[in-house]
PDB file of N, CA and C in Angstrom:
ATOM      1  N   MET A   1      -5.539   9.360   8.573  1.00  0.00           N
ATOM      2  CA  MET A   1      -6.077   8.172   7.251  1.00  0.00           C
ATOM      3  C   MET A   1      -5.728   7.515   6.975  1.00  0.00           C
ATOM      4  N   ALA A   2      -5.926   6.460   6.053  1.00  0.00           N
ATOM      5  CA  ALA A   2      -5.061   5.363   5.739  1.00  0.00           C
ATOM      6  C   ALA A   2      -5.055   4.853   4.215  1.00  0.00           C
ATOM      7  N   TYR A   3      -4.393   4.733   3.400  1.00  0.00           N
ATOM      8  CA  TYR A   3      -4.505   4.220   1.809  1.00  0.00           C
ATOM      9  C   TYR A   3      -5.098   2.710   1.938  1.00  0.00           C
ATOM     10  N   LYS A   4      -5.403   2.732   0.567  1.00  0.00           N
ATOM     11  CA  LYS A   4      -6.270   1.348   0.234  1.00  0.00           C
ATOM     12  C   LYS A   4      -5.668   1.065  -0.767  1.00  0.00           C
ATOM     13  N   ILE A   5      -5.354  -0.592  -1.039  1.00  0.00           N
ATOM     14  CA  ILE A   5      -5.386  -0.911  -2.488  1.00  0.00           C
ATOM     15  C   ILE A   5      -6.407  -1.311  -2.929  1.00  0.00           C
ATOM     16  N   VAL A   6      -6.547  -0.851  -4.696  1.00  0.00           N
ATOM     17  CA  VAL A   6      -7.216  -0.981  -5.775  1.00  0.00           C
ATOM     18  C   VAL A   6      -7.140  -2.570  -6.031  1.00  0.00           C
ATOM     19  N   LYS A   7      -7.923  -3.597  -5.155  1.00  0.00           N
ATOM     20  CA  LYS A   7      -8.305  -5.169  -5.507  1.00  0.00           C
ATOM     21  C   LYS A   7      -8.121  -4.964  -7.324  1.00  0.00           C
ATOM     22  N   SER A   8      -8.880  -4.584  -7.821  1.00  0.00           N
ATOM     23  CA  SER A   8      -9.127  -4.931  -9.154  1.00  0.00           C
ATOM     24  C   SER A   8      -8.073  -4.364 -10.110  1.00  0.00           C
ATOM     25  N   GLN A   9      -7.203  -3.576  -9.831  1.00  0.00           N
ATOM     26  CA  GLN A   9      -6.155  -2.816 -10.442  1.00  0.00           C
ATOM     27  C   GLN A   9      -4.373  -3.803  -9.674  1.00  0.00           C
ATOM     28  N   CYS A  10      -4.665  -4.474  -8.470  1.00  0.00           N
ATOM     29  CA  CYS A  10      -3.402  -4.958  -8.337  1.00  0.00           C
ATOM     30  C   CYS A  10      -3.075  -5.970  -8.940  1.00  0.00           C
ATOM     31  N   THR A  11      -1.663  -6.256  -9.202  1.00  0.00           N
ATOM     32  CA  THR A  11      -0.654  -7.017 -10.068  1.00  0.00           C
ATOM     33  C   THR A  11      -0.127  -7.957  -9.072  1.00  0.00           C
ATOM     34  N   ALA A  12      -0.304  -8.197  -7.941  1.00  0.00           N
ATOM     35  CA  ALA A  12       0.355  -8.913  -6.905  1.00  0.00           C
ATOM     36  C   ALA A  12       1.726  -8.982  -7.258  1.00  0.00           C
ATOM     37  N   CYS A  13       2.449  -7.621  -7.211  1.00  0.00           N
ATOM     38  CA  CYS A  13       4.144  -7.903  -7.796  1.00  0.00           C
ATOM     39  C   CYS A  13       4.713  -7.827  -6.332  1.00  0.00           C
ATOM     40  N   GLY A  14       4.162  -7.456  -5.297  1.00  0.00           N
ATOM     41  CA  GLY A  14       4.712  -7.282  -3.916  1.00  0.00           C
ATOM     42  C   GLY A  14       5.629  -6.333  -3.957  1.00  0.00           C
ATOM     43  N   ALA A  15       5.655  -5.445  -4.618  1.00  0.00           N
ATOM     44  CA  ALA A  15       6.446  -3.946  -4.359  1.00  0.00           C
ATOM     45  C   ALA A  15       6.360  -3.446  -2.886  1.00  0.00           C
ATOM     46  N   CYS A  16       5.003  -3.095  -3.156  1.00  0.00           N
ATOM     47  CA  CYS A  16       4.323  -2.419  -1.787  1.00  0.00           C
ATOM     48  C   CYS A  16       4.759  -2.994  -0.367  1.00  0.00           C
ATOM     49  N   GLU A  17       4.732  -4.055  -0.301  1.00  0.00           N
ATOM     50  CA  GLU A  17       4.347  -5.187   1.031  1.00  0.00           C
ATOM     51  C   GLU A  17       6.318  -4.857   1.238  1.00  0.00           C
ATOM     52  N   PHE A  18       7.242  -4.809   0.463  1.00  0.00           N
ATOM     53  CA  PHE A  18       8.156  -4.814   1.367  1.00  0.00           C
ATOM     54  C   PHE A  18       9.134  -3.294   1.519  1.00  0.00           C
ATOM     55  N   GLU A  19       8.294  -2.206   1.038  1.00  0.00           N
ATOM     56  CA  GLU A  19       8.481  -0.855   1.407  1.00  0.00           C
ATOM     57  C   GLU A  19       7.873  -0.015   2.179  1.00  0.00           C
ATOM     58  N   CYS A  20       6.374  -0.717   2.752  1.00  0.00           N
ATOM     59  CA  CYS A  20       5.693  -0.217   3.830  1.00  0.00           C
ATOM     60  C   CYS A  20       6.660  -0.390   5.287  1.00  0.00           C
ATOM     61  N   PRO A  21       7.218   0.961   6.015  1.00  0.00           N
ATOM     62  CA  PRO A  21       7.926   0.935   7.068  1.00  0.00           C
ATOM     63  C   PRO A  21       7.094   0.534   8.214  1.00  0.00           C
ATOM     64  N   ASN A  22       5.679   0.139   8.068  1.00  0.00           N
ATOM     65  CA  ASN A  22       4.674  -0.267   9.023  1.00  0.00           C
ATOM     66  C   ASN A  22       4.322  -1.312   9.146  1.00  0.00           C
ATOM     67  N   ALA A  23       4.636  -2.660   7.990  1.00  0.00           N
ATOM     68  CA  ALA A  23       4.411  -3.774   7.698  1.00  0.00           C
ATOM     69  C   ALA A  23       2.795  -4.054   7.945  1.00  0.00           C
ATOM     70  N   ALA A  24       1.956  -2.483   7.020  1.00  0.00           N
ATOM     71  CA  ALA A  24       0.649  -2.879   6.822  1.00  0.00           C
ATOM     72  C   ALA A  24      -0.044  -3.545   6.136  1.00  0.00           C
ATOM     73  N   ILE A  25       0.889  -3.860   4.912  1.00  0.00           N
ATOM     74  CA  ILE A  25       0.770  -4.743   3.575  1.00  0.00           C
ATOM     75  C   ILE A  25       0.503  -5.970   3.690  1.00  0.00           C
ATOM     76  N   LYS A  26      -0.236  -6.893   3.506  1.00  0.00           N
ATOM     77  CA  LYS A  26      -0.138  -8.192   3.779  1.00  0.00           C
ATOM     78  C   LYS A  26      -1.097  -8.609   2.030  1.00  0.00           C
ATOM     79  N   PHE A  27      -0.508  -9.931   1.964  1.00  0.00           N
ATOM     80  CA  PHE A  27      -0.831 -10.575   0.347  1.00  0.00           C
ATOM     81  C   PHE A  27      -2.354 -11.345   1.149  1.00  0.00           C
ATOM     82  N   LYS A  28      -3.360 -10.828   0.453  1.00  0.00           N
ATOM     83  CA  LYS A  28      -4.712 -11.431   0.705  1.00  0.00           C
ATOM     84  C   LYS A  28      -5.548 -12.084  -0.052  1.00  0.00           C
ATOM     85  N   GLY A  29      -5.968 -13.561  -0.468  1.00  0.00           N
ATOM     86  CA  GLY A  29      -6.720 -13.594  -1.796  1.00  0.00           C
ATOM     87  C   GLY A  29      -5.658 -13.527  -3.170  1.00  0.00           C
ATOM     88  N   GLU A  30      -6.265 -12.748  -4.064  1.00  0.00           N
ATOM     89  CA  GLU A  30      -5.340 -12.789  -5.086  1.00  0.00           C
ATOM     90  C   GLU A  30      -4.368 -11.283  -5.023  1.00  0.00           C
ATOM     91  N   ALA A  31      -4.457 -10.239  -3.723  1.00  0.00           N
ATOM     92  CA  ALA A  31      -4.074  -9.468  -3.810  1.00  0.00           C
ATOM     93  C   ALA A  31      -3.311  -8.499  -2.646  1.00  0.00           C
ATOM     94  N   TYR A  32      -3.248  -7.574  -2.640  1.00  0.00           N
ATOM     95  CA  TYR A  32      -2.479  -7.081  -1.357  1.00  0.00           C
ATOM     96  C   TYR A  32      -3.741  -6.322  -0.712  1.00  0.00           C
ATOM     97  N   ILE A  33      -3.237  -6.111   1.123  1.00  0.00           N
ATOM     98  CA  ILE A  33      -4.479  -5.429   1.289  1.00  0.00           C
ATOM     99  C   ILE A  33      -3.957  -4.408   2.065  1.00  0.00           C
ATOM    100  N   ILE A  34      -3.985  -3.442   2.560  1.00  0.00           N
ATOM    101  CA  ILE A  34      -3.615  -2.558   3.869  1.00  0.00           C
ATOM    102  C   ILE A  34      -4.425  -2.408   4.797  1.00  0.00           C
ATOM    103  N   ASP A  35      -3.904  -2.746   6.246  1.00  0.00           N
ATOM    104  CA  ASP A  35      -4.716  -2.671   7.648  1.00  0.00           C
ATOM    105  C   ASP A  35      -4.112  -1.565   7.500  1.00  0.00           C
ATOM    106  N   PRO A  36      -5.849  -0.775   7.993  1.00  0.00           N
ATOM    107  CA  PRO A  36      -6.027   0.623   8.178  1.00  0.00           C
ATOM    108  C   PRO A  36      -5.504   0.928   9.391  1.00  0.00           C
ATOM    109  N   ASP A  37      -4.999  -0.218  10.656  1.00  0.00           N
ATOM    110  CA  ASP A  37      -5.015   0.607  11.698  1.00  0.00           C
ATOM    111  C   ASP A  37      -3.686   0.590  11.711  1.00  0.00           C
ATOM    112  N   LYS A  38      -2.897  -0.105  10.772  1.00  0.00           N
ATOM    113  CA  LYS A  38      -1.356   0.276  11.080  1.00  0.00           C
ATOM    114  C   LYS A  38      -0.904   1.079   9.859  1.00  0.00           C
ATOM    115  N   CYS A  39      -1.645   1.798   9.121  1.00  0.00           N
ATOM    116  CA  CYS A  39      -1.305   2.629   8.055  1.00  0.00           C
ATOM    117  C   CYS A  39      -1.219   3.826   8.261  1.00  0.00           C
ATOM    118  N   THR A  40      -0.072   4.348   8.541  1.00  0.00           N
ATOM    119  CA  THR A  40       0.357   6.403   8.946  1.00  0.00           C
ATOM    120  C   THR A  40       0.455   7.045   7.994  1.00  0.00           C
ATOM    121  N   GLU A  41       0.426   6.333   6.258  1.00  0.00           N
ATOM    122  CA  GLU A  41       0.275   7.128   5.038  1.00  0.00           C
ATOM    123  C   GLU A  41       2.026   7.794   5.294  1.00  0.00           C
ATOM    124  N   CYS A  42       3.121   6.999   6.163  1.00  0.00           N
ATOM    125  CA  CYS A  42       4.105   6.766   6.185  1.00  0.00           C
ATOM    126  C   CYS A  42       5.087   8.204   7.073  1.00  0.00           C
ATOM    127  N   ALA A  43       3.868   8.749   7.331  1.00  0.00           N
ATOM    128  CA  ALA A  43       4.061   9.905   7.943  1.00  0.00           C
ATOM    129  C   ALA A  43       5.287   9.944   8.984  1.00  0.00           C
ATOM    130  N   GLY A  44       5.926  10.923   9.056  1.00  0.00           N
ATOM    131  CA  GLY A  44       7.470  10.982   9.679  1.00  0.00           C
ATOM    132  C   GLY A  44       8.436   9.520   9.558  1.00  0.00           C
ATOM    133  N   GLN A  45       7.969   9.060   8.365  1.00  0.00           N
ATOM    134  CA  GLN A  45       9.041   8.143   7.642  1.00  0.00           C
ATOM    135  C   GLN A  45       9.650   8.311   6.471  1.00  0.00           C
ATOM    136  N   ALA A  46       8.894   9.095   5.208  1.00  0.00           N
ATOM    137  CA  ALA A  46       9.030   9.077   4.137  1.00  0.00           C
ATOM    138  C   ALA A  46       8.160  10.214   3.870  1.00  0.00           C
ATOM    139  N   ASP A  47       8.621  11.392   2.459  1.00  0.00           N
ATOM    140  CA  ASP A  47       7.693  12.621   2.519  1.00  0.00           C
ATOM    141  C   ASP A  47       6.323  12.301   1.735  1.00  0.00           C
ATOM    142  N   SER A  48       6.144  10.644   1.280  1.00  0.00           N
ATOM    143  CA  SER A  48       4.817  10.424   0.670  1.00  0.00           C
ATOM    144  C   SER A  48       4.691   9.070   0.612  1.00  0.00           C
ATOM    145  N   PRO A  49       3.615   8.122   0.776  1.00  0.00           N
ATOM    146  CA  PRO A  49       3.232   6.703   1.131  1.00  0.00           C
ATOM    147  C   PRO A  49       4.465   6.122   0.275  1.00  0.00           C
ATOM    148  N   GLN A  50       4.941   5.456   0.751  1.00  0.00           N
ATOM    149  CA  GLN A  50       6.311   4.705   0.239  1.00  0.00           C
ATOM    150  C   GLN A  50       5.088   3.681  -0.905  1.00  0.00           C
ATOM    151  N   CYS A  51       4.108   3.006  -0.658  1.00  0.00           N
ATOM    152  CA  CYS A  51       3.286   2.472  -1.573  1.00  0.00           C
ATOM    153  C   CYS A  51       2.813   2.902  -2.904  1.00  0.00           C
ATOM    154  N   VAL A  52       2.722   4.224  -2.613  1.00  0.00           N
ATOM    155  CA  VAL A  52       2.218   5.114  -3.914  1.00  0.00           C
ATOM    156  C   VAL A  52       3.469   4.840  -4.854  1.00  0.00           C
ATOM    157  N   SER A  53       4.591   5.138  -4.145  1.00  0.00           N
ATOM    158  CA  SER A  53       5.879   5.663  -5.143  1.00  0.00           C
ATOM    159  C   SER A  53       6.218   4.388  -5.701  1.00  0.00           C
ATOM    160  N   VAL A  54       6.139   2.848  -5.006  1.00  0.00           N
ATOM    161  CA  VAL A  54       6.519   1.497  -5.818  1.00  0.00           C
ATOM    162  C   VAL A  54       5.755   0.891  -6.547  1.00  0.00           C
ATOM    163  N   CYS A  55       4.266   1.483  -6.361  1.00  0.00           N
ATOM    164  CA  CYS A  55       3.272   0.702  -7.593  1.00  0.00           C
ATOM    165  C   CYS A  55       3.596   1.198  -8.570  1.00  0.00           C
ATOM    166  N   PRO A  56       3.541  -0.171  -9.427  1.00  0.00           N
ATOM    167  CA  PRO A  56       3.890   0.024 -11.146  1.00  0.00           C
ATOM    168  C   PRO A  56       2.678   0.515 -11.990  1.00  0.00           C
ATOM    169  N   VAL A  57       1.464   0.117 -10.831  1.00  0.00           N
ATOM    170  CA  VAL A  57      -0.176   0.564 -11.460  1.00  0.00           C
ATOM    171  C   VAL A  57      -0.585   1.656 -10.945  1.00  0.00           C
ATOM    172  N   PRO A  58       0.083   2.904 -11.911  1.00  0.00           N
ATOM    173  CA  PRO A  58      -1.350   4.348 -11.316  1.00  0.00           C
ATOM    174  C   PRO A  58      -2.457   4.210 -10.803  1.00  0.00           C
ATOM    175  N   LYS A  59      -2.444   4.989  -9.659  1.00  0.00           N
ATOM    176  CA  LYS A  59      -3.846   5.119  -8.884  1.00  0.00           C
ATOM    177  C   LYS A  59      -4.054   3.599  -8.271  1.00  0.00           C
ATOM    178  N   THR A  60      -3.514   2.718  -7.932  1.00  0.00           N
ATOM    179  CA  THR A  60      -3.967   1.442  -7.273  1.00  0.00           C
ATOM    180  C   THR A  60      -3.474   1.656  -5.574  1.00  0.00           C
ATOM    181  N   CYS A  61      -2.907   2.248  -5.319  1.00  0.00           N
ATOM    182  CA  CYS A  61      -3.221   2.428  -3.820  1.00  0.00           C
ATOM    183  C   CYS A  61      -3.330   4.014  -3.877  1.00  0.00           C
ATOM    184  N   ILE A  62      -4.246   4.385  -3.013  1.00  0.00           N
ATOM    185  CA  ILE A  62      -5.032   5.365  -2.929  1.00  0.00           C
ATOM    186  C   ILE A  62      -5.713   5.580  -1.595  1.00  0.00           C
ATOM    187  N   PRO A  63      -5.915   6.474  -1.425  1.00  0.00           N
ATOM    188  CA  PRO A  63      -6.652   7.056  -0.011  1.00  0.00           C
ATOM    189  C   PRO A  63      -7.858   6.760   0.179  1.00  0.00           C
ATOM    190  N   ALA A  64      -8.076   5.918   1.278  1.00  0.00           N
ATOM    191  CA  ALA A  64      -9.336   4.947   1.836  1.00  0.00           C
ATOM    192  C   ALA A  64     -10.763   5.817   2.248  1.00  0.00           C
TER     193      ALA A  64
END
């Protein structure tokens, strides 16, 4: 399963893009998106999804 970013809550701060070890997060339009084909939920690289841990807005990076 992959994570997704709730567009209406995304502040476009960019913190998640630089923390993603799989380069699955890109800026598109007015917000960031997560490529579900690249997202591994940081399995094997971190204890939890890094986008969730750095996002300043709670519940913006959520399971898809």
